[in-house]
Amino acid sequence: MAGMQSIQAHIQTVLEYYLQELGEACPPNLYQLVINEVEIALFKTLAEYNRGNQSKTARMLGINRATLRKKMQEHAAALSPSVVTELA
């Protein structure tokens, strides 16, 4: 992991690019937009990484399985059916 950029550095790079692409336009509720996008990316990535194992995914996230299921339901429209199925 030596020389590896932090997650924060990667997010900052992506946000800078996103804002540059927007130009003068500024989306309302940018904070909530970013939080939702990060949560969705986390669920998609960890569902695949853990092959749908809810216990492992919840443990990696530091939440319990009930909270994971609740979060999955909140983001169900943005998640592909395969991710929802994997973590169901």
PDB file of N, CA and C in Angstrom:
ATOM      1  N   MET A   1       0.804  -1.188   0.000  1.00  0.00           N
ATOM      2  CA  MET A   1       0.000   0.000   0.000  1.00  0.00           C
ATOM      3  C   MET A   1       0.853   1.261   0.000  1.00  0.00           C
ATOM      4  N   ALA A   2       2.146   1.086   0.054  1.00  0.00           N
ATOM      5  CA  ALA A   2       3.034   2.242   0.022  1.00  0.00           C
ATOM      6  C   ALA A   2       2.854   3.004  -1.283  1.00  0.00           C
ATOM      7  N   GLY A   3       2.775   4.307  -1.192  1.00  0.00           N
ATOM      8  CA  GLY A   3       2.629   5.132  -2.382  1.00  0.00           C
ATOM      9  C   GLY A   3       1.204   5.202  -2.904  1.00  0.00           C
ATOM     10  N   MET A   4       0.278   4.530  -2.226  1.00  0.00           N
ATOM     11  CA  MET A   4      -1.117   4.506  -2.661  1.00  0.00           C
ATOM     12  C   MET A   4      -1.823   5.769  -2.177  1.00  0.00           C
ATOM     13  N   GLN A   5      -2.591   6.411  -3.064  1.00  0.00           N
ATOM     14  CA  GLN A   5      -3.342   7.603  -2.692  1.00  0.00           C
ATOM     15  C   GLN A   5      -4.476   7.243  -1.741  1.00  0.00           C
ATOM     16  N   SER A   6      -4.795   8.152  -0.834  1.00  0.00           N
ATOM     17  CA  SER A   6      -5.906   7.935   0.089  1.00  0.00           C
ATOM     18  C   SER A   6      -7.236   8.038  -0.661  1.00  0.00           C
ATOM     19  N   ILE A   7      -8.265   7.497  -0.066  1.00  0.00           N
ATOM     20  CA  ILE A   7      -9.603   7.614  -0.644  1.00  0.00           C
ATOM     21  C   ILE A   7      -9.975   9.088  -0.733  1.00  0.00           C
ATOM     22  N   GLN A   8      -9.624   9.839   0.292  1.00  0.00           N
ATOM     23  CA  GLN A   8      -9.925  11.272   0.295  1.00  0.00           C
ATOM     24  C   GLN A   8      -9.303  11.971  -0.907  1.00  0.00           C
ATOM     25  N   ALA A   9      -8.066  11.631  -1.227  1.00  0.00           N
ATOM     26  CA  ALA A   9      -7.395  12.244  -2.383  1.00  0.00           C
ATOM     27  C   ALA A   9      -8.116  11.888  -3.680  1.00  0.00           C
ATOM     28  N   HIS A  10      -8.556  10.647  -3.806  1.00  0.00           N
ATOM     29  CA  HIS A  10      -9.288  10.236  -5.003  1.00  0.00           C
ATOM     30  C   HIS A  10     -10.621  10.982  -5.115  1.00  0.00           C
ATOM     31  N   ILE A  11     -11.330  11.077  -3.996  1.00  0.00           N
ATOM     32  CA  ILE A  11     -12.614  11.776  -4.001  1.00  0.00           C
ATOM     33  C   ILE A  11     -12.413  13.246  -4.356  1.00  0.00           C
ATOM     34  N   GLN A  12     -11.387  13.850  -3.779  1.00  0.00           N
ATOM     35  CA  GLN A  12     -11.116  15.258  -4.071  1.00  0.00           C
ATOM     36  C   GLN A  12     -10.847  15.462  -5.558  1.00  0.00           C
ATOM     37  N   THR A  13     -10.070  14.579  -6.158  1.00  0.00           N
ATOM     38  CA  THR A  13      -9.771  14.672  -7.590  1.00  0.00           C
ATOM     39  C   THR A  13     -11.054  14.580  -8.419  1.00  0.00           C
ATOM     40  N   VAL A  14     -11.905  13.636  -8.078  1.00  0.00           N
ATOM     41  CA  VAL A  14     -13.160  13.456  -8.807  1.00  0.00           C
ATOM     42  C   VAL A  14     -14.071  14.668  -8.620  1.00  0.00           C
ATOM     43  N   LEU A  15     -14.152  15.177  -7.402  1.00  0.00           N
ATOM     44  CA  LEU A  15     -14.987  16.358  -7.155  1.00  0.00           C
ATOM     45  C   LEU A  15     -14.483  17.581  -7.906  1.00  0.00           C
ATOM     46  N   GLU A  16     -13.174  17.770  -7.952  1.00  0.00           N
ATOM     47  CA  GLU A  16     -12.611  18.892  -8.704  1.00  0.00           C
ATOM     48  C   GLU A  16     -12.966  18.776 -10.183  1.00  0.00           C
ATOM     49  N   TYR A  17     -12.862  17.589 -10.717  1.00  0.00           N
ATOM     50  CA  TYR A  17     -13.224  17.352 -12.112  1.00  0.00           C
ATOM     51  C   TYR A  17     -14.716  17.618 -12.328  1.00  0.00           C
ATOM     52  N   TYR A  18     -15.540  17.113 -11.420  1.00  0.00           N
ATOM     53  CA  TYR A  18     -16.997  17.295 -11.511  1.00  0.00           C
ATOM     54  C   TYR A  18     -17.350  18.780 -11.512  1.00  0.00           C
ATOM     55  N   LEU A  19     -16.776  19.535 -10.587  1.00  0.00           N
ATOM     56  CA  LEU A  19     -17.059  20.971 -10.498  1.00  0.00           C
ATOM     57  C   LEU A  19     -16.558  21.712 -11.729  1.00  0.00           C
ATOM     58  N   GLN A  20     -15.421  21.281 -12.249  1.00  0.00           N
ATOM     59  CA  GLN A  20     -14.890  21.892 -13.471  1.00  0.00           C
ATOM     60  C   GLN A  20     -15.858  21.648 -14.636  1.00  0.00           C
ATOM     61  N   GLU A  21     -16.390  20.448 -14.728  1.00  0.00           N
ATOM     62  CA  GLU A  21     -17.342  20.104 -15.782  1.00  0.00           C
ATOM     63  C   GLU A  21     -18.636  20.917 -15.659  1.00  0.00           C
ATOM     64  N   LEU A  22     -19.048  21.204 -14.416  1.00  0.00           N
ATOM     65  CA  LEU A  22     -20.268  21.974 -14.199  1.00  0.00           C
ATOM     66  C   LEU A  22     -20.122  23.432 -14.626  1.00  0.00           C
ATOM     67  N   GLY A  23     -18.916  23.933 -14.545  1.00  0.00           N
ATOM     68  CA  GLY A  23     -18.708  25.343 -14.862  1.00  0.00           C
ATOM     69  C   GLY A  23     -19.361  26.214 -13.816  1.00  0.00           C
ATOM     70  N   GLU A  24     -20.182  27.136 -14.255  1.00  0.00           N
ATOM     71  CA  GLU A  24     -20.844  28.068 -13.336  1.00  0.00           C
ATOM     72  C   GLU A  24     -22.084  27.464 -12.662  1.00  0.00           C
ATOM     73  N   ALA A  25     -22.598  26.398 -13.213  1.00  0.00           N
ATOM     74  CA  ALA A  25     -23.776  25.764 -12.619  1.00  0.00           C
ATOM     75  C   ALA A  25     -23.390  25.124 -11.288  1.00  0.00           C
ATOM     76  N   CYS A  26     -24.261  25.219 -10.337  1.00  0.00           N
ATOM     77  CA  CYS A  26     -23.999  24.612  -9.027  1.00  0.00           C
ATOM     78  C   CYS A  26     -25.238  23.841  -8.598  1.00  0.00           C
ATOM     79  N   PRO A  27     -25.107  22.536  -8.426  1.00  0.00           N
ATOM     80  CA  PRO A  27     -26.281  21.757  -8.036  1.00  0.00           C
ATOM     81  C   PRO A  27     -26.682  22.069  -6.594  1.00  0.00           C
ATOM     82  N   PRO A  28     -27.989  22.116  -6.325  1.00  0.00           N
ATOM     83  CA  PRO A  28     -28.412  22.291  -4.931  1.00  0.00           C
ATOM     84  C   PRO A  28     -28.133  20.997  -4.168  1.00  0.00           C
ATOM     85  N   ASN A  29     -27.924  21.114  -2.896  1.00  0.00           N
ATOM     86  CA  ASN A  29     -27.716  19.946  -2.033  1.00  0.00           C
ATOM     87  C   ASN A  29     -26.520  19.091  -2.461  1.00  0.00           C
ATOM     88  N   LEU A  30     -25.421  19.728  -2.793  1.00  0.00           N
ATOM     89  CA  LEU A  30     -24.224  18.994  -3.222  1.00  0.00           C
ATOM     90  C   LEU A  30     -23.770  18.005  -2.161  1.00  0.00           C
ATOM     91  N   TYR A  31     -23.873  18.393  -0.908  1.00  0.00           N
ATOM     92  CA  TYR A  31     -23.465  17.503   0.181  1.00  0.00           C
ATOM     93  C   TYR A  31     -24.233  16.187   0.108  1.00  0.00           C
ATOM     94  N   GLN A  32     -25.564  16.275   0.054  1.00  0.00           N
ATOM     95  CA  GLN A  32     -26.384  15.062   0.016  1.00  0.00           C
ATOM     96  C   GLN A  32     -26.132  14.252  -1.249  1.00  0.00           C
ATOM     97  N   LEU A  33     -25.931  14.929  -2.368  1.00  0.00           N
ATOM     98  CA  LEU A  33     -25.618  14.250  -3.620  1.00  0.00           C
ATOM     99  C   LEU A  33     -24.344  13.418  -3.478  1.00  0.00           C
ATOM    100  N   VAL A  34     -23.309  14.012  -2.913  1.00  0.00           N
ATOM    101  CA  VAL A  34     -22.029  13.305  -2.752  1.00  0.00           C
ATOM    102  C   VAL A  34     -22.181  12.131  -1.791  1.00  0.00           C
ATOM    103  N   ILE A  35     -22.838  12.351  -0.659  1.00  0.00           N
ATOM    104  CA  ILE A  35     -23.032  11.269   0.311  1.00  0.00           C
ATOM    105  C   ILE A  35     -23.786  10.103  -0.322  1.00  0.00           C
ATOM    106  N   ASN A  36     -24.867  10.395  -1.045  1.00  0.00           N
ATOM    107  CA  ASN A  36     -25.635   9.326  -1.703  1.00  0.00           C
ATOM    108  C   ASN A  36     -24.798   8.582  -2.722  1.00  0.00           C
ATOM    109  N   GLU A  37     -24.048   9.314  -3.537  1.00  0.00           N
ATOM    110  CA  GLU A  37     -23.221   8.674  -4.563  1.00  0.00           C
ATOM    111  C   GLU A  37     -22.148   7.784  -3.943  1.00  0.00           C
ATOM    112  N   VAL A  38     -21.552   8.243  -2.853  1.00  0.00           N
ATOM    113  CA  VAL A  38     -20.509   7.445  -2.183  1.00  0.00           C
ATOM    114  C   VAL A  38     -21.127   6.193  -1.573  1.00  0.00           C
ATOM    115  N   GLU A  39     -22.295   6.333  -0.929  1.00  0.00           N
ATOM    116  CA  GLU A  39     -22.946   5.153  -0.354  1.00  0.00           C
ATOM    117  C   GLU A  39     -23.271   4.125  -1.438  1.00  0.00           C
ATOM    118  N   ILE A  40     -23.818   4.588  -2.547  1.00  0.00           N
ATOM    119  CA  ILE A  40     -24.162   3.668  -3.634  1.00  0.00           C
ATOM    120  C   ILE A  40     -22.916   2.963  -4.159  1.00  0.00           C
ATOM    121  N   ALA A  41     -21.836   3.708  -4.356  1.00  0.00           N
ATOM    122  CA  ALA A  41     -20.586   3.103  -4.822  1.00  0.00           C
ATOM    123  C   ALA A  41     -20.062   2.087  -3.808  1.00  0.00           C
ATOM    124  N   LEU A  42     -20.164   2.406  -2.516  1.00  0.00           N
ATOM    125  CA  LEU A  42     -19.741   1.467  -1.471  1.00  0.00           C
ATOM    126  C   LEU A  42     -20.534   0.172  -1.544  1.00  0.00           C
ATOM    127  N   PHE A  43     -21.862   0.287  -1.622  1.00  0.00           N
ATOM    128  CA  PHE A  43     -22.701  -0.909  -1.650  1.00  0.00           C
ATOM    129  C   PHE A  43     -22.415  -1.760  -2.883  1.00  0.00           C
ATOM    130  N   LYS A  44     -22.300  -1.123  -4.036  1.00  0.00           N
ATOM    131  CA  LYS A  44     -22.015  -1.872  -5.265  1.00  0.00           C
ATOM    132  C   LYS A  44     -20.678  -2.593  -5.169  1.00  0.00           C
ATOM    133  N   THR A  45     -19.662  -1.864  -4.730  1.00  0.00           N
ATOM    134  CA  THR A  45     -18.314  -2.431  -4.665  1.00  0.00           C
ATOM    135  C   THR A  45     -18.224  -3.555  -3.644  1.00  0.00           C
ATOM    136  N   LEU A  46     -18.767  -3.326  -2.447  1.00  0.00           N
ATOM    137  CA  LEU A  46     -18.666  -4.344  -1.401  1.00  0.00           C
ATOM    138  C   LEU A  46     -19.560  -5.549  -1.664  1.00  0.00           C
ATOM    139  N   ALA A  47     -20.704  -5.338  -2.326  1.00  0.00           N
ATOM    140  CA  ALA A  47     -21.553  -6.481  -2.680  1.00  0.00           C
ATOM    141  C   ALA A  47     -20.788  -7.426  -3.598  1.00  0.00           C
ATOM    142  N   GLU A  48     -20.101  -6.857  -4.561  1.00  0.00           N
ATOM    143  CA  GLU A  48     -19.307  -7.680  -5.474  1.00  0.00           C
ATOM    144  C   GLU A  48     -18.103  -8.289  -4.751  1.00  0.00           C
ATOM    145  N   TYR A  49     -17.392  -7.476  -3.995  1.00  0.00           N
ATOM    146  CA  TYR A  49     -16.183  -7.925  -3.291  1.00  0.00           C
ATOM    147  C   TYR A  49     -16.488  -9.081  -2.337  1.00  0.00           C
ATOM    148  N   ASN A  50     -17.622  -8.972  -1.633  1.00  0.00           N
ATOM    149  CA  ASN A  50     -17.999  -9.992  -0.649  1.00  0.00           C
ATOM    150  C   ASN A  50     -18.964 -11.028  -1.197  1.00  0.00           C
ATOM    151  N   ARG A  51     -19.154 -11.019  -2.508  1.00  0.00           N
ATOM    152  CA  ARG A  51     -20.037 -11.981  -3.180  1.00  0.00           C
ATOM    153  C   ARG A  51     -21.410 -12.059  -2.536  1.00  0.00           C
ATOM    154  N   GLY A  52     -21.936 -10.876  -2.159  1.00  0.00           N
ATOM    155  CA  GLY A  52     -23.287 -10.801  -1.620  1.00  0.00           C
ATOM    156  C   GLY A  52     -23.424 -11.145  -0.153  1.00  0.00           C
ATOM    157  N   ASN A  53     -22.326 -11.410   0.535  1.00  0.00           N
ATOM    158  CA  ASN A  53     -22.393 -11.778   1.946  1.00  0.00           C
ATOM    159  C   ASN A  53     -22.718 -10.543   2.783  1.00  0.00           C
ATOM    160  N   GLN A  54     -23.942 -10.487   3.298  1.00  0.00           N
ATOM    161  CA  GLN A  54     -24.399  -9.334   4.071  1.00  0.00           C
ATOM    162  C   GLN A  54     -23.586  -9.131   5.344  1.00  0.00           C
ATOM    163  N   SER A  55     -23.293 -10.199   6.039  1.00  0.00           N
ATOM    164  CA  SER A  55     -22.557 -10.076   7.298  1.00  0.00           C
ATOM    165  C   SER A  55     -21.184  -9.454   7.072  1.00  0.00           C
ATOM    166  N   LYS A  56     -20.461  -9.939   6.072  1.00  0.00           N
ATOM    167  CA  LYS A  56     -19.134  -9.383   5.774  1.00  0.00           C
ATOM    168  C   LYS A  56     -19.230  -7.929   5.338  1.00  0.00           C
ATOM    169  N   THR A  57     -20.222  -7.642   4.488  1.00  0.00           N
ATOM    170  CA  THR A  57     -20.389  -6.275   3.999  1.00  0.00           C
ATOM    171  C   THR A  57     -20.707  -5.332   5.153  1.00  0.00           C
ATOM    172  N   ALA A  58     -21.644  -5.711   6.008  1.00  0.00           N
ATOM    173  CA  ALA A  58     -22.001  -4.875   7.156  1.00  0.00           C
ATOM    174  C   ALA A  58     -20.800  -4.693   8.082  1.00  0.00           C
ATOM    175  N   ARG A  59     -20.062  -5.748   8.314  1.00  0.00           N
ATOM    176  CA  ARG A  59     -18.871  -5.675   9.179  1.00  0.00           C
ATOM    177  C   ARG A  59     -17.838  -4.713   8.603  1.00  0.00           C
ATOM    178  N   MET A  60     -17.610  -4.793   7.294  1.00  0.00           N
ATOM    179  CA  MET A  60     -16.643  -3.888   6.655  1.00  0.00           C
ATOM    180  C   MET A  60     -17.098  -2.434   6.750  1.00  0.00           C
ATOM    181  N   LEU A  61     -18.408  -2.206   6.700  1.00  0.00           N
ATOM    182  CA  LEU A  61     -18.956  -0.856   6.781  1.00  0.00           C
ATOM    183  C   LEU A  61     -19.060  -0.350   8.219  1.00  0.00           C
ATOM    184  N   GLY A  62     -18.947  -1.267   9.184  1.00  0.00           N
ATOM    185  CA  GLY A  62     -19.069  -0.883  10.586  1.00  0.00           C
ATOM    186  C   GLY A  62     -20.511  -0.632  10.997  1.00  0.00           C
ATOM    187  N   ILE A  63     -21.441  -1.319  10.318  1.00  0.00           N
ATOM    188  CA  ILE A  63     -22.867  -1.201  10.637  1.00  0.00           C
ATOM    189  C   ILE A  63     -23.438  -2.598  10.805  1.00  0.00           C
ATOM    190  N   ASN A  64     -24.644  -2.690  11.372  1.00  0.00           N
ATOM    191  CA  ASN A  64     -25.250  -4.019  11.486  1.00  0.00           C
ATOM    192  C   ASN A  64     -26.033  -4.360  10.219  1.00  0.00           C
ATOM    193  N   ARG A  65     -26.430  -5.615  10.096  1.00  0.00           N
ATOM    194  CA  ARG A  65     -27.113  -6.048   8.868  1.00  0.00           C
ATOM    195  C   ARG A  65     -28.448  -5.357   8.661  1.00  0.00           C
ATOM    196  N   ALA A  66     -29.172  -5.057   9.748  1.00  0.00           N
ATOM    197  CA  ALA A  66     -30.457  -4.371   9.616  1.00  0.00           C
ATOM    198  C   ALA A  66     -30.249  -2.981   9.010  1.00  0.00           C
ATOM    199  N   THR A  67     -29.207  -2.296   9.448  1.00  0.00           N
ATOM    200  CA  THR A  67     -28.907  -0.974   8.896  1.00  0.00           C
ATOM    201  C   THR A  67     -28.497  -1.094   7.434  1.00  0.00           C
ATOM    202  N   LEU A  68     -27.738  -2.125   7.105  1.00  0.00           N
ATOM    203  CA  LEU A  68     -27.344  -2.353   5.714  1.00  0.00           C
ATOM    204  C   LEU A  68     -28.581  -2.560   4.847  1.00  0.00           C
ATOM    205  N   ARG A  69     -29.501  -3.398   5.300  1.00  0.00           N
ATOM    206  CA  ARG A  69     -30.726  -3.644   4.535  1.00  0.00           C
ATOM    207  C   ARG A  69     -31.544  -2.358   4.375  1.00  0.00           C
ATOM    208  N   LYS A  70     -31.623  -1.558   5.434  1.00  0.00           N
ATOM    209  CA  LYS A  70     -32.354  -0.288   5.365  1.00  0.00           C
ATOM    210  C   LYS A  70     -31.708   0.642   4.333  1.00  0.00           C
ATOM    211  N   LYS A  71     -30.389   0.740   4.368  1.00  0.00           N
ATOM    212  CA  LYS A  71     -29.675   1.592   3.412  1.00  0.00           C
ATOM    213  C   LYS A  71     -29.861   1.078   1.987  1.00  0.00           C
ATOM    214  N   MET A  72     -29.865  -0.231   1.814  1.00  0.00           N
ATOM    215  CA  MET A  72     -30.061  -0.812   0.492  1.00  0.00           C
ATOM    216  C   MET A  72     -31.455  -0.456  -0.038  1.00  0.00           C
ATOM    217  N   GLN A  73     -32.454  -0.485   0.840  1.00  0.00           N
ATOM    218  CA  GLN A  73     -33.808  -0.123   0.429  1.00  0.00           C
ATOM    219  C   GLN A  73     -33.885   1.352   0.041  1.00  0.00           C
ATOM    220  N   GLU A  74     -33.174   2.218   0.788  1.00  0.00           N
ATOM    221  CA  GLU A  74     -33.155   3.647   0.487  1.00  0.00           C
ATOM    222  C   GLU A  74     -32.571   3.910  -0.902  1.00  0.00           C
ATOM    223  N   HIS A  75     -31.591   3.107  -1.294  1.00  0.00           N
ATOM    224  CA  HIS A  75     -30.887   3.317  -2.559  1.00  0.00           C
ATOM    225  C   HIS A  75     -31.292   2.326  -3.642  1.00  0.00           C
ATOM    226  N   ALA A  76     -32.351   1.572  -3.415  1.00  0.00           N
ATOM    227  CA  ALA A  76     -32.738   0.507  -4.347  1.00  0.00           C
ATOM    228  C   ALA A  76     -32.918   1.004  -5.777  1.00  0.00           C
ATOM    229  N   ALA A  77     -33.473   2.187  -5.957  1.00  0.00           N
ATOM    230  CA  ALA A  77     -33.706   2.710  -7.310  1.00  0.00           C
ATOM    231  C   ALA A  77     -32.402   2.962  -8.040  1.00  0.00           C
ATOM    232  N   ALA A  78     -31.344   3.316  -7.314  1.00  0.00           N
ATOM    233  CA  ALA A  78     -30.057   3.634  -7.945  1.00  0.00           C
ATOM    234  C   ALA A  78     -29.171   2.410  -8.095  1.00  0.00           C
ATOM    235  N   LEU A  79     -29.483   1.349  -7.360  1.00  0.00           N
ATOM    236  CA  LEU A  79     -28.671   0.138  -7.426  1.00  0.00           C
ATOM    237  C   LEU A  79     -29.244  -0.808  -8.458  1.00  0.00           C
ATOM    238  N   SER A  80     -28.364  -1.525  -9.120  1.00  0.00           N
ATOM    239  CA  SER A  80     -28.834  -2.505 -10.100  1.00  0.00           C
ATOM    240  C   SER A  80     -29.524  -3.647  -9.352  1.00  0.00           C
ATOM    241  N   PRO A  81     -30.482  -4.284  -9.993  1.00  0.00           N
ATOM    242  CA  PRO A  81     -31.189  -5.401  -9.343  1.00  0.00           C
ATOM    243  C   PRO A  81     -30.241  -6.511  -8.870  1.00  0.00           C
ATOM    244  N   SER A  82     -29.134  -6.711  -9.586  1.00  0.00           N
ATOM    245  CA  SER A  82     -28.195  -7.754  -9.170  1.00  0.00           C
ATOM    246  C   SER A  82     -27.544  -7.433  -7.840  1.00  0.00           C
ATOM    247  N   VAL A  83     -27.254  -6.153  -7.573  1.00  0.00           N
ATOM    248  CA  VAL A  83     -26.654  -5.773  -6.291  1.00  0.00           C
ATOM    249  C   VAL A  83     -27.666  -5.950  -5.172  1.00  0.00           C
ATOM    250  N   VAL A  84     -28.902  -5.517  -5.401  1.00  0.00           N
ATOM    251  CA  VAL A  84     -29.938  -5.664  -4.405  1.00  0.00           C
ATOM    252  C   VAL A  84     -30.168  -7.142  -4.121  1.00  0.00           C
ATOM    253  N   THR A  85     -30.195  -7.969  -5.158  1.00  0.00           N
ATOM    254  CA  THR A  85     -30.378  -9.405  -5.006  1.00  0.00           C
ATOM    255  C   THR A  85     -29.212 -10.026  -4.261  1.00  0.00           C
ATOM    256  N   GLU A  86     -27.981  -9.613  -4.598  1.00  0.00           N
ATOM    257  CA  GLU A  86     -26.799 -10.160  -3.938  1.00  0.00           C
ATOM    258  C   GLU A  86     -26.841  -9.920  -2.438  1.00  0.00           C
ATOM    259  N   LEU A  87     -27.301  -8.752  -2.039  1.00  0.00           N
ATOM    260  CA  LEU A  87     -27.301  -8.408  -0.620  1.00  0.00           C
ATOM    261  C   LEU A  87     -28.641  -8.664   0.063  1.00  0.00           C
ATOM    262  N   ALA A  88     -29.558  -9.295  -0.642  1.00  0.00           N
ATOM    263  CA  ALA A  88     -30.870  -9.564  -0.034  1.00  0.00           C
ATOM    264  C   ALA A  88     -30.810 -10.785   0.861  1.00  0.00           C
TER     265      ALA A  88
END
